[in-house]
Amino acid sequence: MHGVAPAVSLASPVIPTETPNRPTRTATDDDLRLARACASGDTGVFEEIYRQHGDRMKSIAYNHLGNVSDAEDAVQETFLKVHRAASTYNGESAFGTWLYRVLINTCYDALRRRQRRIQEAPIDDVITTERATSNVDDAKRMTLRKMLNELPEQRRSVFLLFEVEGLSHAEIAQTLNITEGNSKWILFATKKQLQEQWKNQS
């Protein structure tokens, strides 16, 4: 898989001017058709979903997980979960919204597994890994990544979905099962927190 977007910069947030294939707010007959086909294991429909949503899925996963390999694994795992859970899709939200919700939960699971591995690994292994992946030229990007990783899951997702993926607050609310007003407040508070941290890093 290619074309994964880089992490957002606080100095100049990446807000797409075009947001193709944005999920609609309510399910359609086509959404229900997709869910039934996924449940039956129709490979053609999975290819159709990947064409429609693959780029955004990779971008969401990359910006949650921070590297291409983990993002690709999360997208693949999401499709497996969608196949297993499609029969439970009830049409309360658009199929795309439901798909992104499964993906984000998959990313959360991956981050928890990563954290457990770090906690269980010998400290020398962790230090070696950090040295191998760090780069002086990428200091600002790494600082931002660290700040985002330290955010609570919900705050990180609201920030990334709005600033990087260009989703509206209504779409974020449906994806994360929160209210639209809550999404707006979380974004405001998170941006304020990140800006203050960023300023202190300077």
Protein backbone atom coordinates (compact mmCIF):
# COMPACT_ATOMS: atom_id res chain seq x y z
CA MET A 1 0.00 0.00 0.00
CA HIS A 2 1.31 3.45 -0.85
CA GLY A 3 0.35 7.09 -0.58
CA VAL A 4 0.16 7.36 3.18
CA ALA A 5 -0.02 11.00 4.28
CA PRO A 6 2.65 12.51 6.60
CA ALA A 7 1.83 13.66 10.10
CA VAL A 8 0.30 17.13 10.46
CA SER A 9 2.41 20.16 11.35
CA LEU A 10 1.01 22.56 13.94
CA ALA A 11 2.56 25.48 12.09
CA SER A 12 0.55 24.73 8.97
CA PRO A 13 -2.22 22.17 9.55
CA VAL A 14 -2.91 19.92 6.60
CA ILE A 15 -6.57 20.48 5.87
CA PRO A 16 -7.52 18.96 2.50
CA THR A 17 -9.34 21.33 0.16
CA GLU A 18 -11.18 18.34 -1.27
CA THR A 19 -12.52 15.48 0.78
CA PRO A 20 -13.72 12.79 -1.63
CA ASN A 21 -15.70 9.81 -0.41
CA ARG A 22 -16.75 11.44 2.84
CA PRO A 23 -19.25 9.26 4.67
CA THR A 24 -22.82 10.43 4.57
CA ARG A 25 -24.68 11.00 7.83
CA THR A 26 -27.30 8.29 7.35
CA ALA A 27 -27.21 4.82 5.85
CA THR A 28 -28.46 4.23 2.32
CA ASP A 29 -29.59 1.09 0.51
CA ASP A 30 -26.07 0.92 -0.92
CA ASP A 31 -24.61 0.92 2.61
CA LEU A 32 -26.81 -2.03 3.54
CA ARG A 33 -25.81 -3.81 0.33
CA LEU A 34 -22.13 -3.32 1.17
CA ALA A 35 -22.63 -4.69 4.69
CA ARG A 36 -24.46 -7.79 3.42
CA ALA A 37 -21.77 -8.43 0.81
CA CYS A 38 -19.00 -8.01 3.41
CA ALA A 39 -20.71 -10.46 5.71
CA SER A 40 -20.86 -13.02 2.91
CA GLY A 41 -17.15 -12.57 2.15
CA ASP A 42 -17.63 -11.08 -1.34
CA THR A 43 -14.07 -10.20 -2.43
CA GLY A 44 -15.36 -7.85 -5.11
CA VAL A 45 -17.10 -5.65 -2.56
CA PHE A 46 -13.96 -5.45 -0.44
CA GLU A 47 -12.08 -4.20 -3.51
CA GLU A 48 -14.85 -1.65 -4.06
CA ILE A 49 -14.60 -0.44 -0.45
CA TYR A 50 -10.82 -0.24 -0.70
CA ARG A 51 -11.05 1.87 -3.87
CA GLN A 52 -13.49 4.23 -2.14
CA HIS A 53 -11.94 4.46 1.30
CA GLY A 54 -8.43 2.96 1.13
CA ASP A 55 -6.44 6.19 0.88
CA ARG A 56 -8.26 7.82 3.78
CA MET A 57 -8.01 4.64 5.86
CA LYS A 58 -4.23 4.52 5.35
CA SER A 59 -3.96 8.19 6.23
CA ILE A 60 -6.03 7.82 9.41
CA ALA A 61 -4.04 4.75 10.47
CA TYR A 62 -0.69 6.38 9.72
CA ASN A 63 -1.51 9.51 11.68
CA HIS A 64 -2.63 7.44 14.66
CA LEU A 65 0.25 4.95 14.59
CA GLY A 66 3.15 6.94 13.14
CA ASN A 67 4.61 4.47 10.66
CA VAL A 68 3.64 2.91 7.35
CA SER A 69 4.03 -0.74 8.35
CA ASP A 70 1.73 -0.49 11.39
CA ALA A 71 -0.76 1.56 9.36
CA GLU A 72 -0.91 -1.10 6.65
CA ASP A 73 -1.38 -3.82 9.28
CA ALA A 74 -4.21 -1.83 10.90
CA VAL A 75 -6.01 -1.38 7.57
CA GLN A 76 -5.72 -5.10 6.80
CA GLU A 77 -6.92 -6.00 10.30
CA THR A 78 -9.84 -3.61 9.89
CA PHE A 79 -11.02 -5.40 6.76
CA LEU A 80 -10.90 -8.72 8.61
CA LYS A 81 -12.94 -7.21 11.44
CA VAL A 82 -15.42 -5.71 8.97
CA HIS A 83 -15.93 -9.13 7.40
CA ARG A 84 -16.57 -10.69 10.82
CA ALA A 85 -18.78 -7.87 12.16
CA ALA A 86 -20.67 -6.77 9.03
CA SER A 87 -23.70 -8.83 10.01
CA THR A 88 -24.08 -6.58 13.09
CA TYR A 89 -24.15 -3.37 11.00
CA ASN A 90 -27.55 -1.82 11.71
CA GLY A 91 -27.53 1.20 9.43
CA GLU A 92 -27.60 3.80 12.20
CA SER A 93 -24.67 5.55 10.51
CA ALA A 94 -23.23 5.49 7.01
CA PHE A 95 -21.16 2.44 6.16
CA GLY A 96 -18.07 4.64 5.71
CA THR A 97 -18.54 6.13 9.17
CA TRP A 98 -18.86 2.65 10.66
CA LEU A 99 -15.76 1.53 8.73
CA TYR A 100 -13.66 4.41 10.11
CA ARG A 101 -14.92 3.68 13.62
CA VAL A 102 -13.69 0.07 13.31
CA LEU A 103 -10.35 1.34 11.97
CA ILE A 104 -9.83 3.81 14.80
CA ASN A 105 -10.63 1.17 17.40
CA THR A 106 -8.12 -1.11 15.66
CA CYS A 107 -5.50 1.66 15.91
CA TYR A 108 -6.26 2.05 19.62
CA ASP A 109 -5.73 -1.68 20.10
CA ALA A 110 -2.42 -1.52 18.22
CA LEU A 111 -1.22 1.39 20.39
CA ARG A 112 -2.10 -0.52 23.54
CA ARG A 113 -0.20 -3.58 22.31
CA ARG A 114 2.77 -1.38 21.46
CA GLN A 115 2.72 0.19 24.91
CA ARG A 116 2.64 -3.24 26.56
CA ARG A 117 5.61 -4.38 24.47
CA ILE A 118 7.56 -1.28 25.50
CA GLN A 119 6.75 -1.81 29.16
CA GLU A 120 7.78 -5.46 28.99
CA ALA A 121 10.95 -4.93 26.93
CA PRO A 122 14.39 -4.54 28.55
CA ILE A 123 15.29 -0.84 28.78
CA ASP A 124 18.40 -1.36 26.60
CA ASP A 125 16.17 -2.62 23.75
CA VAL A 126 13.93 0.44 24.03
CA ILE A 127 16.88 2.84 23.97
CA THR A 128 18.39 1.07 20.94
CA THR A 129 15.06 1.27 19.10
CA GLU A 130 14.70 4.96 19.88
CA ARG A 131 18.22 5.68 18.61
CA ALA A 132 17.60 3.72 15.43
CA THR A 133 14.38 5.57 14.60
CA SER A 134 15.33 9.10 15.64
CA ASN A 135 16.77 11.68 13.28
CA VAL A 136 18.03 15.14 14.17
CA ASP A 137 16.53 16.58 10.97
CA ASP A 138 13.13 15.27 12.03
CA ALA A 139 13.27 16.76 15.53
CA LYS A 140 10.14 18.90 15.11
CA ARG A 141 8.14 16.09 13.54
CA MET A 142 9.20 13.74 16.31
CA THR A 143 8.28 16.34 18.94
CA LEU A 144 4.82 16.72 17.42
CA ARG A 145 4.39 12.95 17.18
CA LYS A 146 5.32 12.63 20.86
CA MET A 147 2.82 15.34 21.82
CA LEU A 148 0.05 13.63 19.83
CA ASN A 149 0.89 10.22 21.28
CA GLU A 150 0.58 11.63 24.79
CA LEU A 151 -2.95 12.86 24.16
CA PRO A 152 -5.89 10.77 25.40
CA GLU A 153 -7.23 8.57 22.59
CA GLN A 154 -10.39 10.58 21.97
CA ARG A 155 -8.59 13.92 21.82
CA ARG A 156 -5.98 12.54 19.42
CA SER A 157 -8.66 11.14 17.13
CA VAL A 158 -10.76 14.32 17.05
CA PHE A 159 -7.66 16.39 16.23
CA LEU A 160 -6.43 14.05 13.48
CA LEU A 161 -9.83 13.49 11.90
CA PHE A 162 -10.55 17.23 11.73
CA GLU A 163 -7.12 18.73 11.00
CA VAL A 164 -5.62 15.98 8.84
CA GLU A 165 -8.56 14.12 7.32
CA GLY A 166 -10.85 17.12 6.90
CA LEU A 167 -13.93 15.47 8.42
CA SER A 168 -16.67 17.75 9.69
CA HIS A 169 -17.65 17.81 13.36
CA ALA A 170 -20.88 16.02 12.44
CA GLU A 171 -18.92 13.20 10.80
CA ILE A 172 -16.46 13.01 13.71
CA ALA A 173 -19.35 12.86 16.16
CA GLN A 174 -20.84 9.86 14.34
CA THR A 175 -17.48 8.13 13.93
CA LEU A 176 -16.49 8.46 17.60
CA ASN A 177 -20.00 8.21 19.11
CA ILE A 178 -19.90 11.66 20.69
CA THR A 179 -22.01 14.80 20.20
CA GLU A 180 -21.12 17.41 17.60
CA GLY A 181 -20.73 20.02 20.35
CA ASN A 182 -18.39 17.73 22.25
CA SER A 183 -16.27 17.28 19.12
CA LYS A 184 -15.95 21.06 18.74
CA TRP A 185 -15.01 21.52 22.39
CA ILE A 186 -12.45 18.69 22.29
CA LEU A 187 -10.82 20.15 19.18
CA PHE A 188 -10.65 23.64 20.71
CA ALA A 189 -9.17 22.36 23.98
CA THR A 190 -6.72 20.04 22.23
CA LYS A 191 -5.43 22.72 19.85
CA LYS A 192 -4.97 25.11 22.76
CA GLN A 193 -3.06 22.46 24.72
CA LEU A 194 -0.85 21.54 21.75
CA GLN A 195 -0.10 25.17 20.90
CA GLU A 196 1.01 25.83 24.47
CA GLN A 197 3.20 22.75 24.49
CA TRP A 198 4.63 23.62 21.08
CA LYS A 199 5.47 27.15 22.27
CA ASN A 200 7.24 25.76 25.34
CA GLN A 201 9.33 23.50 23.09
CA SER A 202 10.68 26.49 21.15
